[in-house]
């Protein structure tokens, strides 16, 4: 599994880099941009609240909650710490690579004009490297079946909704979101290949 994770990390990062260098100074292709515009400015208030799921005011309490789980529940200690580390790496990694590619933001923004660079989307990286990671860890655990059947889909739905919110607010191109997902996948897969933590093994029971 570690070899597979390493291969996934290399492939995801290669796609991330190719996409970033191909689009660093240009908007999305016209056919894709036309589709993106159709998603814009719908359910704006909902999109605005969803986008807060990846702001520091929400992420810090969630990270602290994860660390409390690590402290109070030994069976989940390594997973909870792993999730927090992935959150930080995906978050800061996306910010770092934004300054590498320096892709300009969209100008047809809604609610708030964000002035940071556009590629990759830090929201997409966080949604993938934290919320989807928690979904995968919960689904692969030995928690009761009703928990594994109900809670992970909520995390998946939240992650997908966050991605939608960035398009609805005109904050990112679709390729920015793809870049954030690829970067987070590369980071999590690389960590999974390197760190001796069985985050997806059926061994964590509360």
N, C-alpha and C. Protein backbone atom coordinates (compact mmCIF):
# COMPACT_ATOMS: atom_id res chain seq x y z
N UNK A 1 0.82 -1.21 0.00
CA UNK A 1 0.00 0.00 0.00
C UNK A 1 0.86 1.26 0.00
N UNK A 2 2.01 1.18 0.67
CA UNK A 2 2.86 2.37 0.70
C UNK A 2 3.40 2.70 -0.69
N UNK A 3 3.70 1.67 -1.47
CA UNK A 3 4.17 1.90 -2.83
C UNK A 3 3.08 2.54 -3.68
N UNK A 4 1.84 2.08 -3.49
CA UNK A 4 0.72 2.67 -4.22
C UNK A 4 0.53 4.13 -3.81
N UNK A 5 0.61 4.39 -2.50
CA UNK A 5 0.45 5.76 -2.02
C UNK A 5 1.54 6.66 -2.60
N UNK A 6 2.77 6.16 -2.65
CA UNK A 6 3.86 6.96 -3.21
C UNK A 6 3.62 7.25 -4.69
N UNK A 7 3.13 6.26 -5.43
CA UNK A 7 2.85 6.46 -6.85
C UNK A 7 1.73 7.48 -7.04
N UNK A 8 0.71 7.41 -6.20
CA UNK A 8 -0.39 8.37 -6.26
C UNK A 8 0.14 9.78 -5.98
N UNK A 9 1.02 9.91 -4.98
CA UNK A 9 1.57 11.21 -4.63
C UNK A 9 2.35 11.81 -5.80
N UNK A 10 3.18 11.00 -6.44
CA UNK A 10 3.98 11.49 -7.57
C UNK A 10 3.09 11.89 -8.73
N UNK A 11 2.11 11.04 -9.06
CA UNK A 11 1.23 11.33 -10.19
C UNK A 11 0.39 12.58 -9.93
N UNK A 12 -0.16 12.70 -8.71
CA UNK A 12 -1.00 13.85 -8.38
C UNK A 12 -0.19 15.14 -8.42
N UNK A 13 1.03 15.11 -7.89
CA UNK A 13 1.84 16.33 -7.89
C UNK A 13 2.26 16.70 -9.31
N UNK A 14 2.56 15.69 -10.14
CA UNK A 14 2.93 15.98 -11.53
C UNK A 14 1.78 16.64 -12.27
N UNK A 15 0.57 16.12 -12.10
CA UNK A 15 -0.60 16.73 -12.74
C UNK A 15 -0.84 18.14 -12.21
N UNK A 16 -0.66 18.30 -10.90
CA UNK A 16 -0.81 19.62 -10.28
C UNK A 16 0.16 20.63 -10.88
N UNK A 17 1.42 20.23 -11.04
CA UNK A 17 2.43 21.15 -11.57
C UNK A 17 2.17 21.46 -13.04
N UNK A 18 1.83 20.46 -13.82
CA UNK A 18 1.56 20.68 -15.25
C UNK A 18 0.38 21.64 -15.42
N UNK A 19 -0.69 21.40 -14.67
CA UNK A 19 -1.86 22.28 -14.77
C UNK A 19 -1.52 23.70 -14.33
N UNK A 20 -0.74 23.82 -13.27
CA UNK A 20 -0.38 25.15 -12.77
C UNK A 20 0.45 25.94 -13.77
N UNK A 21 1.45 25.31 -14.36
CA UNK A 21 2.30 26.03 -15.31
C UNK A 21 1.57 26.32 -16.61
N UNK A 22 0.58 25.48 -16.95
CA UNK A 22 -0.17 25.71 -18.19
C UNK A 22 -1.13 26.88 -18.07
N UNK A 23 -1.60 27.17 -16.84
CA UNK A 23 -2.66 28.16 -16.66
C UNK A 23 -2.24 29.36 -15.81
N UNK A 24 -0.97 29.49 -15.51
CA UNK A 24 -0.54 30.48 -14.52
C UNK A 24 -0.87 31.91 -14.90
N UNK A 25 -0.97 32.23 -16.17
CA UNK A 25 -1.23 33.62 -16.58
C UNK A 25 -2.49 33.76 -17.41
N UNK A 26 -3.36 32.75 -17.36
CA UNK A 26 -4.55 32.80 -18.22
C UNK A 26 -5.77 32.31 -17.46
N UNK A 27 -6.96 32.80 -17.84
CA UNK A 27 -8.19 32.25 -17.26
C UNK A 27 -8.46 30.87 -17.83
N UNK A 28 -9.52 30.23 -17.36
CA UNK A 28 -9.91 28.95 -17.92
C UNK A 28 -10.33 29.10 -19.38
N UNK A 29 -10.27 28.02 -20.15
CA UNK A 29 -10.76 28.08 -21.54
C UNK A 29 -12.20 28.57 -21.59
N UNK A 30 -12.57 29.18 -22.71
CA UNK A 30 -13.89 29.79 -22.84
C UNK A 30 -15.04 28.85 -22.57
N UNK A 31 -14.96 27.62 -23.09
CA UNK A 31 -16.06 26.67 -22.90
C UNK A 31 -16.23 26.31 -21.44
N UNK A 32 -15.11 26.24 -20.71
CA UNK A 32 -15.18 25.91 -19.29
C UNK A 32 -15.65 27.11 -18.49
N UNK A 33 -15.18 28.29 -18.87
CA UNK A 33 -15.57 29.51 -18.17
C UNK A 33 -17.06 29.78 -18.33
N UNK A 34 -17.61 29.46 -19.49
CA UNK A 34 -19.05 29.63 -19.71
C UNK A 34 -19.85 28.77 -18.75
N UNK A 35 -19.40 27.54 -18.54
CA UNK A 35 -20.08 26.65 -17.60
C UNK A 35 -19.93 27.15 -16.17
N UNK A 36 -18.75 27.65 -15.83
CA UNK A 36 -18.51 28.16 -14.48
C UNK A 36 -19.43 29.35 -14.16
N UNK A 37 -19.64 30.21 -15.14
CA UNK A 37 -20.49 31.38 -14.92
C UNK A 37 -21.92 30.98 -14.61
N UNK A 38 -22.37 29.85 -15.17
CA UNK A 38 -23.74 29.41 -14.89
C UNK A 38 -23.93 29.00 -13.43
N UNK A 39 -22.84 28.66 -12.76
CA UNK A 39 -22.92 28.26 -11.35
C UNK A 39 -22.80 29.46 -10.40
N UNK A 40 -22.47 30.60 -10.95
CA UNK A 40 -22.16 31.77 -10.13
C UNK A 40 -23.41 32.49 -9.65
N UNK A 41 -23.31 33.05 -8.44
CA UNK A 41 -24.34 33.92 -7.87
C UNK A 41 -25.67 33.19 -7.66
N UNK A 42 -25.57 31.91 -7.26
CA UNK A 42 -26.75 31.14 -6.87
C UNK A 42 -26.61 30.77 -5.40
N UNK A 43 -27.70 30.94 -4.63
CA UNK A 43 -27.67 30.60 -3.20
C UNK A 43 -26.43 31.24 -2.54
N UNK A 44 -26.28 32.52 -2.76
CA UNK A 44 -25.06 33.22 -2.36
C UNK A 44 -24.82 33.16 -0.85
N UNK A 45 -25.86 33.33 -0.05
CA UNK A 45 -25.68 33.30 1.39
C UNK A 45 -25.20 31.93 1.86
N UNK A 46 -25.78 30.87 1.29
CA UNK A 46 -25.35 29.51 1.65
C UNK A 46 -23.89 29.31 1.24
N UNK A 47 -23.55 29.77 0.03
CA UNK A 47 -22.17 29.64 -0.44
C UNK A 47 -21.20 30.39 0.47
N UNK A 48 -21.62 31.56 0.94
CA UNK A 48 -20.75 32.35 1.82
C UNK A 48 -20.51 31.63 3.15
N UNK A 49 -21.57 31.03 3.72
CA UNK A 49 -21.39 30.30 4.97
C UNK A 49 -20.54 29.05 4.76
N UNK A 50 -20.71 28.40 3.64
CA UNK A 50 -19.91 27.20 3.37
C UNK A 50 -18.44 27.54 3.20
N UNK A 51 -18.16 28.67 2.57
CA UNK A 51 -16.77 29.03 2.35
C UNK A 51 -16.05 29.31 3.67
N UNK A 52 -16.83 29.66 4.72
CA UNK A 52 -16.23 29.88 6.04
C UNK A 52 -15.69 28.59 6.66
N UNK A 53 -16.12 27.45 6.13
CA UNK A 53 -15.65 26.16 6.67
C UNK A 53 -14.14 25.99 6.51
N UNK A 54 -13.53 26.80 5.66
CA UNK A 54 -12.09 26.71 5.45
C UNK A 54 -11.37 28.01 5.83
N UNK A 55 -12.00 28.81 6.66
CA UNK A 55 -11.35 30.00 7.20
C UNK A 55 -10.80 29.69 8.60
N UNK A 56 -9.85 30.49 9.01
CA UNK A 56 -9.14 30.22 10.26
C UNK A 56 -10.08 30.19 11.46
N UNK A 57 -11.14 30.98 11.43
CA UNK A 57 -12.06 31.04 12.57
C UNK A 57 -12.77 29.71 12.80
N UNK A 58 -12.90 28.89 11.77
CA UNK A 58 -13.51 27.57 11.89
C UNK A 58 -12.44 26.49 12.01
N UNK A 59 -11.36 26.62 11.28
CA UNK A 59 -10.34 25.58 11.24
C UNK A 59 -9.61 25.43 12.57
N UNK A 60 -9.34 26.54 13.25
CA UNK A 60 -8.62 26.45 14.53
C UNK A 60 -9.44 25.67 15.57
N UNK A 61 -10.73 25.98 15.77
CA UNK A 61 -11.52 25.16 16.71
C UNK A 61 -11.59 23.69 16.30
N UNK A 62 -11.68 23.41 15.00
CA UNK A 62 -11.73 22.02 14.56
C UNK A 62 -10.40 21.30 14.82
N UNK A 63 -9.31 22.02 14.59
CA UNK A 63 -8.00 21.43 14.89
C UNK A 63 -7.86 21.17 16.38
N UNK A 64 -8.32 22.09 17.21
CA UNK A 64 -8.27 21.88 18.66
C UNK A 64 -9.15 20.71 19.07
N UNK A 65 -10.32 20.58 18.45
CA UNK A 65 -11.19 19.45 18.75
C UNK A 65 -10.52 18.13 18.37
N UNK A 66 -9.81 18.13 17.25
CA UNK A 66 -9.08 16.93 16.83
C UNK A 66 -7.99 16.57 17.83
N UNK A 67 -7.30 17.60 18.35
CA UNK A 67 -6.26 17.34 19.34
C UNK A 67 -6.85 16.85 20.66
N UNK A 68 -8.04 17.31 21.00
CA UNK A 68 -8.71 16.81 22.20
C UNK A 68 -9.06 15.34 22.02
N UNK A 69 -9.51 14.98 20.82
CA UNK A 69 -9.76 13.56 20.53
C UNK A 69 -8.48 12.76 20.68
N UNK A 70 -7.37 13.30 20.17
CA UNK A 70 -6.09 12.62 20.29
C UNK A 70 -5.69 12.42 21.75
N UNK A 71 -6.01 13.38 22.59
CA UNK A 71 -5.66 13.32 24.01
C UNK A 71 -6.56 12.35 24.77
N UNK A 72 -7.86 12.38 24.45
CA UNK A 72 -8.82 11.62 25.25
C UNK A 72 -9.07 10.20 24.74
N UNK A 73 -8.81 9.96 23.45
CA UNK A 73 -9.12 8.64 22.86
C UNK A 73 -7.85 8.06 22.24
N UNK A 74 -7.11 7.25 22.99
CA UNK A 74 -5.83 6.73 22.49
C UNK A 74 -5.94 5.99 21.16
N UNK A 75 -7.05 5.30 20.92
CA UNK A 75 -7.19 4.54 19.67
C UNK A 75 -7.21 5.44 18.44
N UNK A 76 -7.60 6.70 18.65
CA UNK A 76 -7.67 7.65 17.55
C UNK A 76 -6.54 8.68 17.58
N UNK A 77 -5.59 8.49 18.47
CA UNK A 77 -4.55 9.52 18.65
C UNK A 77 -3.76 9.77 17.38
N UNK A 78 -3.24 8.71 16.78
CA UNK A 78 -2.39 8.90 15.60
C UNK A 78 -3.18 9.47 14.44
N UNK A 79 -4.43 9.05 14.30
CA UNK A 79 -5.24 9.55 13.19
C UNK A 79 -5.60 11.02 13.37
N UNK A 80 -5.97 11.39 14.57
CA UNK A 80 -6.35 12.78 14.82
C UNK A 80 -5.16 13.71 14.61
N UNK A 81 -4.00 13.31 15.11
CA UNK A 81 -2.79 14.13 14.91
C UNK A 81 -2.43 14.18 13.43
N UNK A 82 -2.55 13.06 12.75
CA UNK A 82 -2.29 13.01 11.31
C UNK A 82 -3.20 13.98 10.57
N UNK A 83 -4.47 14.03 10.94
CA UNK A 83 -5.42 14.93 10.29
C UNK A 83 -5.05 16.39 10.49
N UNK A 84 -4.62 16.74 11.69
CA UNK A 84 -4.23 18.13 11.97
C UNK A 84 -2.98 18.50 11.18
N UNK A 85 -2.02 17.59 11.14
CA UNK A 85 -0.80 17.87 10.36
C UNK A 85 -1.13 18.03 8.89
N UNK A 86 -2.01 17.18 8.36
CA UNK A 86 -2.41 17.30 6.95
C UNK A 86 -3.13 18.62 6.70
N UNK A 87 -3.96 19.03 7.65
CA UNK A 87 -4.63 20.32 7.52
C UNK A 87 -3.61 21.44 7.37
N UNK A 88 -2.63 21.46 8.23
CA UNK A 88 -1.62 22.52 8.19
C UNK A 88 -0.81 22.46 6.90
N UNK A 89 -0.42 21.27 6.48
CA UNK A 89 0.41 21.14 5.28
C UNK A 89 -0.38 21.53 4.03
N UNK A 90 -1.63 21.11 3.94
CA UNK A 90 -2.44 21.46 2.78
C UNK A 90 -2.73 22.95 2.74
N UNK A 91 -3.04 23.50 3.88
CA UNK A 91 -3.34 24.92 4.02
C UNK A 91 -2.16 25.78 3.61
N UNK A 92 -1.03 25.54 4.27
CA UNK A 92 0.15 26.35 3.99
C UNK A 92 0.76 26.00 2.64
N UNK A 93 0.65 24.73 2.24
CA UNK A 93 1.18 24.34 0.93
C UNK A 93 0.47 25.05 -0.20
N UNK A 94 -0.86 25.15 -0.10
CA UNK A 94 -1.61 25.87 -1.12
C UNK A 94 -1.20 27.34 -1.17
N UNK A 95 -1.04 27.95 0.00
CA UNK A 95 -0.61 29.36 0.04
C UNK A 95 0.77 29.52 -0.60
N UNK A 96 1.67 28.57 -0.32
CA UNK A 96 3.01 28.65 -0.90
C UNK A 96 2.97 28.57 -2.41
N UNK A 97 2.24 27.60 -2.94
CA UNK A 97 2.23 27.42 -4.39
C UNK A 97 1.44 28.52 -5.10
N UNK A 98 0.54 29.19 -4.40
CA UNK A 98 -0.10 30.35 -5.01
C UNK A 98 0.94 31.40 -5.39
N UNK A 99 1.98 31.53 -4.57
CA UNK A 99 3.03 32.50 -4.87
C UNK A 99 4.03 31.97 -5.90
N UNK A 100 4.00 30.67 -6.15
CA UNK A 100 4.83 30.10 -7.21
C UNK A 100 4.19 30.36 -8.58
N UNK A 101 2.89 30.10 -8.69
CA UNK A 101 2.22 30.21 -9.99
C UNK A 101 1.66 31.61 -10.24
N UNK A 102 1.30 32.32 -9.18
CA UNK A 102 0.84 33.72 -9.27
C UNK A 102 -0.26 33.92 -10.31
N UNK A 103 -1.23 33.06 -10.32
CA UNK A 103 -2.34 33.20 -11.25
C UNK A 103 -3.31 34.25 -10.73
N UNK A 104 -3.70 35.22 -11.56
CA UNK A 104 -4.63 36.26 -11.10
C UNK A 104 -6.01 35.70 -10.77
N UNK A 105 -6.68 36.35 -9.84
CA UNK A 105 -8.04 35.96 -9.47
C UNK A 105 -9.04 36.36 -10.55
N UNK A 106 -10.21 35.72 -10.48
CA UNK A 106 -11.33 36.15 -11.32
C UNK A 106 -11.78 37.55 -10.89
N UNK A 107 -12.35 38.28 -11.86
CA UNK A 107 -12.84 39.62 -11.57
C UNK A 107 -14.35 39.67 -11.37
N UNK A 108 -15.05 38.58 -11.70
CA UNK A 108 -16.51 38.57 -11.57
C UNK A 108 -16.92 37.97 -10.21
N UNK A 109 -16.28 38.45 -9.16
CA UNK A 109 -16.50 37.92 -7.82
C UNK A 109 -17.85 38.37 -7.26
N UNK A 110 -18.31 37.62 -6.25
CA UNK A 110 -19.56 37.93 -5.56
C UNK A 110 -19.27 38.00 -4.07
N UNK A 111 -19.83 38.97 -3.38
CA UNK A 111 -19.73 39.18 -1.93
C UNK A 111 -18.38 39.77 -1.54
N UNK A 112 -17.30 39.08 -1.87
CA UNK A 112 -15.99 39.53 -1.39
C UNK A 112 -14.94 39.31 -2.47
N UNK A 113 -14.16 40.34 -2.73
CA UNK A 113 -13.07 40.23 -3.70
C UNK A 113 -11.81 39.80 -2.96
N UNK A 114 -11.41 38.57 -3.17
CA UNK A 114 -10.20 38.05 -2.53
C UNK A 114 -9.00 38.37 -3.42
N UNK A 115 -7.98 38.91 -2.82
CA UNK A 115 -6.85 39.44 -3.59
C UNK A 115 -5.65 38.50 -3.63
N UNK A 116 -5.71 37.38 -2.92
CA UNK A 116 -4.61 36.42 -3.00
C UNK A 116 -4.59 35.78 -4.38
N UNK A 117 -3.47 35.16 -4.73
CA UNK A 117 -3.39 34.49 -6.03
C UNK A 117 -4.38 33.33 -6.07
N UNK A 118 -4.64 32.84 -7.27
CA UNK A 118 -5.79 31.97 -7.50
C UNK A 118 -5.47 30.48 -7.51
N UNK A 119 -4.31 30.08 -8.02
CA UNK A 119 -4.00 28.66 -8.19
C UNK A 119 -2.87 28.25 -7.25
N UNK A 120 -3.10 27.19 -6.47
CA UNK A 120 -4.31 26.37 -6.32
C UNK A 120 -5.25 26.97 -5.28
N UNK A 121 -6.48 26.49 -5.25
CA UNK A 121 -7.44 26.93 -4.25
C UNK A 121 -7.10 26.33 -2.89
N UNK A 122 -6.87 27.18 -1.91
CA UNK A 122 -6.60 26.65 -0.57
C UNK A 122 -7.85 26.01 0.03
N UNK A 123 -9.03 26.52 -0.34
CA UNK A 123 -10.26 25.90 0.12
C UNK A 123 -10.37 24.46 -0.38
N UNK A 124 -10.04 24.25 -1.65
CA UNK A 124 -10.10 22.90 -2.20
C UNK A 124 -9.07 21.98 -1.54
N UNK A 125 -7.88 22.52 -1.28
CA UNK A 125 -6.85 21.71 -0.62
C UNK A 125 -7.28 21.32 0.79
N UNK A 126 -7.85 22.25 1.53
CA UNK A 126 -8.29 21.97 2.89
C UNK A 126 -9.48 21.01 2.89
N UNK A 127 -10.44 21.25 1.99
CA UNK A 127 -11.60 20.37 1.92
C UNK A 127 -11.19 18.93 1.64
N UNK A 128 -10.16 18.76 0.81
CA UNK A 128 -9.69 17.42 0.48
C UNK A 128 -8.79 16.85 1.57
N UNK A 129 -7.83 17.65 2.03
CA UNK A 129 -6.83 17.15 2.96
C UNK A 129 -7.27 17.08 4.40
N UNK A 130 -8.46 17.63 4.71
CA UNK A 130 -8.94 17.57 6.10
C UNK A 130 -10.32 16.93 6.16
N UNK A 131 -11.31 17.52 5.49
CA UNK A 131 -12.67 17.00 5.58
C UNK A 131 -12.80 15.63 4.90
N UNK A 132 -12.27 15.49 3.69
CA UNK A 132 -12.35 14.19 3.02
C UNK A 132 -11.47 13.15 3.71
N UNK A 133 -10.35 13.61 4.27
CA UNK A 133 -9.50 12.68 5.02
C UNK A 133 -10.24 12.13 6.23
N UNK A 134 -10.94 12.99 6.97
CA UNK A 134 -11.73 12.52 8.11
C UNK A 134 -12.81 11.56 7.65
N UNK A 135 -13.42 11.84 6.52
CA UNK A 135 -14.45 10.94 5.98
C UNK A 135 -13.86 9.56 5.72
N UNK A 136 -12.68 9.53 5.11
CA UNK A 136 -12.04 8.24 4.80
C UNK A 136 -11.64 7.51 6.08
N UNK A 137 -11.11 8.22 7.05
CA UNK A 137 -10.67 7.58 8.29
C UNK A 137 -11.86 7.02 9.07
N UNK A 138 -12.94 7.77 9.12
CA UNK A 138 -14.14 7.29 9.83
C UNK A 138 -14.75 6.09 9.12
N UNK A 139 -14.80 6.14 7.80
CA UNK A 139 -15.39 5.04 7.05
C UNK A 139 -14.58 3.76 7.19
N UNK A 140 -13.26 3.90 7.37
CA UNK A 140 -12.39 2.72 7.44
C UNK A 140 -12.17 2.24 8.87
N UNK A 141 -12.83 2.84 9.83
CA UNK A 141 -12.60 2.49 11.23
C UNK A 141 -13.52 1.35 11.66
N UNK A 142 -13.41 0.98 12.93
CA UNK A 142 -14.28 -0.03 13.53
C UNK A 142 -15.38 0.60 14.36
N UNK A 143 -15.72 1.83 14.06
CA UNK A 143 -16.86 2.45 14.71
C UNK A 143 -18.14 1.71 14.32
N UNK A 144 -19.22 1.86 15.08
CA UNK A 144 -20.46 1.18 14.73
C UNK A 144 -20.88 1.47 13.29
N UNK A 145 -21.53 0.48 12.70
CA UNK A 145 -21.93 0.59 11.30
C UNK A 145 -22.78 1.82 11.03
N UNK A 146 -23.68 2.15 11.96
CA UNK A 146 -24.55 3.31 11.74
C UNK A 146 -23.74 4.60 11.69
N UNK A 147 -22.64 4.66 12.43
CA UNK A 147 -21.77 5.84 12.39
C UNK A 147 -21.01 5.88 11.07
N UNK A 148 -20.46 4.75 10.67
CA UNK A 148 -19.69 4.70 9.43
C UNK A 148 -20.56 4.93 8.21
N UNK A 149 -21.85 4.64 8.34
CA UNK A 149 -22.76 4.83 7.21
C UNK A 149 -23.31 6.25 7.12
N UNK A 150 -23.29 6.97 8.24
CA UNK A 150 -23.94 8.29 8.26
C UNK A 150 -22.98 9.47 8.32
N UNK A 151 -21.92 9.36 9.11
CA UNK A 151 -21.04 10.51 9.32
C UNK A 151 -20.11 10.78 8.13
N UNK A 152 -19.40 9.79 7.59
CA UNK A 152 -18.51 10.08 6.45
C UNK A 152 -19.21 10.77 5.28
N UNK A 153 -20.44 10.35 4.89
CA UNK A 153 -21.09 11.08 3.79
C UNK A 153 -21.32 12.55 4.10
N UNK A 154 -21.49 12.90 5.37
CA UNK A 154 -21.66 14.30 5.73
C UNK A 154 -20.38 15.08 5.48
N UNK A 155 -19.24 14.48 5.81
CA UNK A 155 -17.96 15.14 5.54
C UNK A 155 -17.73 15.27 4.04
N UNK A 156 -18.08 14.22 3.29
CA UNK A 156 -17.93 14.28 1.83
C UNK A 156 -18.82 15.39 1.26
N UNK A 157 -20.06 15.44 1.73
CA UNK A 157 -20.99 16.47 1.24
C UNK A 157 -20.47 17.86 1.57
N UNK A 158 -19.90 18.03 2.76
CA UNK A 158 -19.35 19.33 3.14
C UNK A 158 -18.20 19.72 2.22
N UNK A 159 -17.30 18.77 1.94
CA UNK A 159 -16.16 19.06 1.07
C UNK A 159 -16.62 19.46 -0.32
N UNK A 160 -17.58 18.72 -0.88
CA UNK A 160 -18.09 19.04 -2.21
C UNK A 160 -18.80 20.39 -2.20
N UNK A 161 -19.55 20.65 -1.13
CA UNK A 161 -20.26 21.93 -1.03
C UNK A 161 -19.29 23.11 -0.94
N UNK A 162 -18.17 22.92 -0.25
CA UNK A 162 -17.16 23.98 -0.18
C UNK A 162 -16.61 24.27 -1.58
N UNK A 163 -16.34 23.23 -2.35
CA UNK A 163 -15.86 23.45 -3.72
C UNK A 163 -16.90 24.21 -4.54
N UNK A 164 -18.16 23.81 -4.41
CA UNK A 164 -19.22 24.52 -5.14
C UNK A 164 -19.28 25.99 -4.72
N UNK A 165 -19.11 26.25 -3.42
CA UNK A 165 -19.23 27.62 -2.93
C UNK A 165 -18.20 28.54 -3.56
N UNK A 166 -17.02 28.03 -3.89
CA UNK A 166 -15.99 28.87 -4.48
C UNK A 166 -16.34 29.28 -5.91
N UNK A 167 -17.08 28.40 -6.60
CA UNK A 167 -17.56 28.75 -7.93
C UNK A 167 -18.77 29.67 -7.83
N UNK A 168 -19.65 29.41 -6.87
CA UNK A 168 -20.84 30.24 -6.72
C UNK A 168 -20.49 31.68 -6.36
N UNK A 169 -19.39 31.86 -5.65
CA UNK A 169 -18.96 33.20 -5.25
C UNK A 169 -18.01 33.83 -6.27
N UNK A 170 -17.70 33.11 -7.34
CA UNK A 170 -16.77 33.66 -8.33
C UNK A 170 -15.37 33.84 -7.79
N UNK A 171 -15.01 33.06 -6.78
CA UNK A 171 -13.71 33.24 -6.12
C UNK A 171 -12.59 32.47 -6.82
N UNK A 172 -12.95 31.45 -7.58
CA UNK A 172 -11.94 30.61 -8.23
C UNK A 172 -12.44 30.10 -9.57
N UNK A 173 -11.48 29.74 -10.41
CA UNK A 173 -11.78 28.94 -11.60
C UNK A 173 -11.89 27.47 -11.19
N UNK A 174 -12.54 26.69 -12.03
CA UNK A 174 -12.65 25.26 -11.76
C UNK A 174 -11.27 24.60 -11.72
N UNK A 175 -10.35 25.07 -12.55
CA UNK A 175 -9.01 24.50 -12.55
C UNK A 175 -8.25 24.83 -11.26
N UNK A 176 -8.59 25.94 -10.61
CA UNK A 176 -8.00 26.24 -9.30
C UNK A 176 -8.42 25.18 -8.28
N UNK A 177 -9.70 24.79 -8.35
CA UNK A 177 -10.20 23.77 -7.44
C UNK A 177 -9.54 22.43 -7.72
N UNK A 178 -9.40 22.11 -9.02
CA UNK A 178 -8.72 20.87 -9.37
C UNK A 178 -7.29 20.86 -8.85
N UNK A 179 -6.62 21.99 -8.96
CA UNK A 179 -5.26 22.08 -8.45
C UNK A 179 -5.19 21.88 -6.96
N UNK A 180 -6.14 22.46 -6.22
CA UNK A 180 -6.16 22.27 -4.77
C UNK A 180 -6.39 20.83 -4.38
N UNK A 181 -7.30 20.16 -5.09
CA UNK A 181 -7.56 18.75 -4.82
C UNK A 181 -6.32 17.91 -5.11
N UNK A 182 -5.68 18.16 -6.24
CA UNK A 182 -4.48 17.40 -6.61
C UNK A 182 -3.35 17.62 -5.62
N UNK A 183 -3.16 18.86 -5.19
CA UNK A 183 -2.10 19.14 -4.22
C UNK A 183 -2.35 18.42 -2.91
N UNK A 184 -3.58 18.49 -2.40
CA UNK A 184 -3.91 17.82 -1.15
C UNK A 184 -3.75 16.31 -1.29
N UNK A 185 -4.18 15.76 -2.41
CA UNK A 185 -4.02 14.32 -2.64
C UNK A 185 -2.55 13.94 -2.63
N UNK A 186 -1.71 14.76 -3.25
CA UNK A 186 -0.27 14.48 -3.27
C UNK A 186 0.31 14.53 -1.87
N UNK A 187 -0.09 15.52 -1.08
CA UNK A 187 0.45 15.67 0.28
C UNK A 187 0.01 14.51 1.16
N UNK A 188 -1.28 14.19 1.15
CA UNK A 188 -1.78 13.11 2.01
C UNK A 188 -1.20 11.77 1.59
N UNK A 189 -1.14 11.51 0.29
CA UNK A 189 -0.59 10.24 -0.18
C UNK A 189 0.89 10.12 0.16
N UNK A 190 1.64 11.20 0.01
CA UNK A 190 3.06 11.17 0.37
C UNK A 190 3.25 10.91 1.85
N UNK A 191 2.44 11.58 2.68
CA UNK A 191 2.53 11.36 4.12
C UNK A 191 2.15 9.93 4.48
N UNK A 192 1.13 9.41 3.83
CA UNK A 192 0.70 8.04 4.07
C UNK A 192 1.81 7.05 3.71
N UNK A 193 2.57 7.36 2.65
CA UNK A 193 3.66 6.48 2.23
C UNK A 193 4.86 6.57 3.15
N UNK A 194 5.05 7.73 3.80
CA UNK A 194 6.26 7.95 4.60
C UNK A 194 6.05 7.66 6.08
N UNK A 195 4.92 8.14 6.62
CA UNK A 195 4.68 8.07 8.06
C UNK A 195 4.07 6.71 8.42
N UNK A 196 4.60 6.04 9.44
CA UNK A 196 4.07 4.73 9.83
C UNK A 196 2.78 4.84 10.62
N UNK A 197 1.74 5.42 10.02
CA UNK A 197 0.43 5.56 10.66
C UNK A 197 -0.60 4.90 9.77
N UNK A 198 -1.29 3.91 10.29
CA UNK A 198 -2.30 3.19 9.51
C UNK A 198 -3.63 3.93 9.61
N UNK A 199 -3.73 5.02 8.87
CA UNK A 199 -4.89 5.89 9.00
C UNK A 199 -6.15 5.28 8.39
N UNK A 200 -5.99 4.30 7.51
CA UNK A 200 -7.14 3.71 6.86
C UNK A 200 -7.28 2.22 7.20
N UNK A 201 -6.74 1.81 8.34
CA UNK A 201 -6.87 0.43 8.78
C UNK A 201 -8.01 0.32 9.78
N UNK A 202 -8.71 -0.79 9.79
CA UNK A 202 -9.82 -0.99 10.69
C UNK A 202 -9.30 -1.34 12.08
N UNK A 203 -8.87 -0.31 12.81
CA UNK A 203 -8.32 -0.58 14.14
C UNK A 203 -8.66 0.51 15.15
N UNK A 204 -9.32 1.55 14.73
CA UNK A 204 -9.64 2.65 15.64
C UNK A 204 -11.06 2.53 16.14
N UNK A 205 -11.20 2.20 17.42
CA UNK A 205 -12.52 2.04 18.01
C UNK A 205 -12.60 2.95 19.23
N UNK A 206 -13.70 3.67 19.37
CA UNK A 206 -13.88 4.52 20.52
C UNK A 206 -14.29 3.67 21.71
